[in-house]
Amino acid sequence: MTQKRILRANARKLALQRDRMTQDAFAKYAADPDDPDVQDVIDQLVEDDPSETARELFAIAARLLHEVADATGSSPDHVLARISRA
């Protein structure tokens, strides 16, 4: 297999894997994948460069982590530790 074909196959595999992970995440949090707003988020994630998507997801996770910490009066590190144990 040529290097180009290997790279294309890996890119397809990563895109399918990212699509499955996105669907699993929305299902876990009871979001309706057919909702137009949710579909916009999915479309944006698919269009983005994988490294950009990862940065966006980490930024969302960090923001949610701080919001939970503020709401519970805990430190972000404590919230992260509790999530990691779950």
C-alpha atoms as a PDB file:
ATOM      1  CA  MET A   1       0.000   0.000   0.000  1.00  0.00           C
ATOM      2  CA  THR A   2       1.376   3.408  -0.877  1.00  0.00           C
ATOM      3  CA  GLN A   3       1.923   6.045   1.766  1.00  0.00           C
ATOM      4  CA  LYS A   4      -0.855   8.184   0.268  1.00  0.00           C
ATOM      5  CA  ARG A   5      -3.393   5.342   0.444  1.00  0.00           C
ATOM      6  CA  ILE A   6      -2.413   4.590   4.032  1.00  0.00           C
ATOM      7  CA  LEU A   7      -2.892   8.241   4.989  1.00  0.00           C
ATOM      8  CA  ARG A   8      -6.311   8.356   3.287  1.00  0.00           C
ATOM      9  CA  ALA A   9      -7.392   5.138   5.005  1.00  0.00           C
ATOM     10  CA  ASN A  10      -6.254   6.486   8.373  1.00  0.00           C
ATOM     11  CA  ALA A  11      -8.106   9.765   7.773  1.00  0.00           C
ATOM     12  CA  ARG A  12     -11.331   7.882   6.949  1.00  0.00           C
ATOM     13  CA  LYS A  13     -10.903   5.695  10.019  1.00  0.00           C
ATOM     14  CA  LEU A  14     -10.385   8.736  12.267  1.00  0.00           C
ATOM     15  CA  ALA A  15     -13.412  10.517  10.784  1.00  0.00           C
ATOM     16  CA  LEU A  16     -15.631   7.488  11.432  1.00  0.00           C
ATOM     17  CA  GLN A  17     -14.252   7.113  14.940  1.00  0.00           C
ATOM     18  CA  ARG A  18     -14.828  10.814  15.692  1.00  0.00           C
ATOM     19  CA  ASP A  19     -18.383  10.549  14.344  1.00  0.00           C
ATOM     20  CA  ARG A  20     -19.102   7.562  16.606  1.00  0.00           C
ATOM     21  CA  MET A  21     -17.616   9.314  19.643  1.00  0.00           C
ATOM     22  CA  THR A  22     -19.666  12.439  18.940  1.00  0.00           C
ATOM     23  CA  GLN A  23     -22.872  10.414  18.623  1.00  0.00           C
ATOM     24  CA  ASP A  24     -22.064   8.504  21.824  1.00  0.00           C
ATOM     25  CA  ALA A  25     -21.426  11.749  23.707  1.00  0.00           C
ATOM     26  CA  PHE A  26     -24.714  13.277  22.552  1.00  0.00           C
ATOM     27  CA  ALA A  27     -26.574  10.064  23.404  1.00  0.00           C
ATOM     28  CA  LYS A  28     -25.013   9.951  26.866  1.00  0.00           C
ATOM     29  CA  TYR A  29     -26.213  13.457  27.650  1.00  0.00           C
ATOM     30  CA  ALA A  30     -29.656  12.902  26.073  1.00  0.00           C
ATOM     31  CA  ALA A  31     -29.162  15.371  23.236  1.00  0.00           C
ATOM     32  CA  ASP A  32     -31.224  14.650  20.158  1.00  0.00           C
ATOM     33  CA  PRO A  33     -28.836  14.243  17.187  1.00  0.00           C
ATOM     34  CA  ASP A  34     -31.687  15.283  14.862  1.00  0.00           C
ATOM     35  CA  ASP A  35     -32.128  18.643  16.628  1.00  0.00           C
ATOM     36  CA  PRO A  36     -30.958  21.367  14.178  1.00  0.00           C
ATOM     37  CA  ASP A  37     -28.811  23.058  16.842  1.00  0.00           C
ATOM     38  CA  VAL A  38     -27.145  19.776  17.731  1.00  0.00           C
ATOM     39  CA  GLN A  39     -26.673  19.002  14.043  1.00  0.00           C
ATOM     40  CA  ASP A  40     -24.917  22.367  13.598  1.00  0.00           C
ATOM     41  CA  VAL A  41     -22.475  21.448  16.366  1.00  0.00           C
ATOM     42  CA  ILE A  42     -21.839  18.035  14.808  1.00  0.00           C
ATOM     43  CA  ASP A  43     -21.329  19.588  11.362  1.00  0.00           C
ATOM     44  CA  GLN A  44     -18.885  22.119  12.771  1.00  0.00           C
ATOM     45  CA  LEU A  45     -16.895  19.398  14.540  1.00  0.00           C
ATOM     46  CA  VAL A  46     -16.738  17.327  11.359  1.00  0.00           C
ATOM     47  CA  GLU A  47     -15.596  20.290   9.246  1.00  0.00           C
ATOM     48  CA  ASP A  48     -12.842  21.321  11.643  1.00  0.00           C
ATOM     49  CA  ASP A  49      -9.316  20.071  11.530  1.00  0.00           C
ATOM     50  CA  PRO A  50      -8.970  17.244  14.102  1.00  0.00           C
ATOM     51  CA  SER A  51      -6.429  19.214  16.124  1.00  0.00           C
ATOM     52  CA  GLU A  52      -8.750  22.248  16.151  1.00  0.00           C
ATOM     53  CA  THR A  53     -11.682  20.044  17.168  1.00  0.00           C
ATOM     54  CA  ALA A  54      -9.645  18.642  20.045  1.00  0.00           C
ATOM     55  CA  ARG A  55      -8.770  22.166  21.216  1.00  0.00           C
ATOM     56  CA  GLU A  56     -12.428  23.206  21.060  1.00  0.00           C
ATOM     57  CA  LEU A  57     -13.555  20.135  22.998  1.00  0.00           C
ATOM     58  CA  PHE A  58     -10.897  20.679  25.665  1.00  0.00           C
ATOM     59  CA  ALA A  59     -11.964  24.318  25.957  1.00  0.00           C
ATOM     60  CA  ILE A  60     -15.602  23.247  26.409  1.00  0.00           C
ATOM     61  CA  ALA A  61     -14.571  20.641  28.983  1.00  0.00           C
ATOM     62  CA  ALA A  62     -12.471  23.172  30.895  1.00  0.00           C
ATOM     63  CA  ARG A  63     -15.313  25.696  30.911  1.00  0.00           C
ATOM     64  CA  LEU A  64     -17.777  23.067  32.171  1.00  0.00           C
ATOM     65  CA  LEU A  65     -15.288  21.924  34.799  1.00  0.00           C
ATOM     66  CA  HIS A  66     -14.996  25.475  36.140  1.00  0.00           C
ATOM     67  CA  GLU A  67     -18.778  25.981  36.049  1.00  0.00           C
ATOM     68  CA  VAL A  68     -19.330  22.811  38.085  1.00  0.00           C
ATOM     69  CA  ALA A  69     -16.587  23.856  40.497  1.00  0.00           C
ATOM     70  CA  ASP A  70     -18.199  27.281  40.967  1.00  0.00           C
ATOM     71  CA  ALA A  71     -21.660  25.772  41.413  1.00  0.00           C
ATOM     72  CA  THR A  72     -20.504  23.232  43.997  1.00  0.00           C
ATOM     73  CA  GLY A  73     -17.953  25.395  45.784  1.00  0.00           C
ATOM     74  CA  SER A  74     -15.211  22.892  44.980  1.00  0.00           C
ATOM     75  CA  SER A  75     -11.907  23.428  43.245  1.00  0.00           C
ATOM     76  CA  PRO A  76     -11.602  22.455  39.570  1.00  0.00           C
ATOM     77  CA  ASP A  77      -8.984  19.866  40.584  1.00  0.00           C
ATOM     78  CA  HIS A  78     -11.429  18.283  43.042  1.00  0.00           C
ATOM     79  CA  VAL A  79     -14.178  18.148  40.393  1.00  0.00           C
ATOM     80  CA  LEU A  80     -11.777  16.591  37.887  1.00  0.00           C
ATOM     81  CA  ALA A  81     -10.705  13.986  40.451  1.00  0.00           C
ATOM     82  CA  ARG A  82     -14.345  13.064  41.109  1.00  0.00           C
ATOM     83  CA  ILE A  83     -15.041  12.761  37.379  1.00  0.00           C
ATOM     84  CA  SER A  84     -11.945  10.625  36.879  1.00  0.00           C
ATOM     85  CA  ARG A  85     -13.090   8.191  39.564  1.00  0.00           C
ATOM     86  CA  ALA A  86     -16.574   7.837  38.040  1.00  0.00           C
END
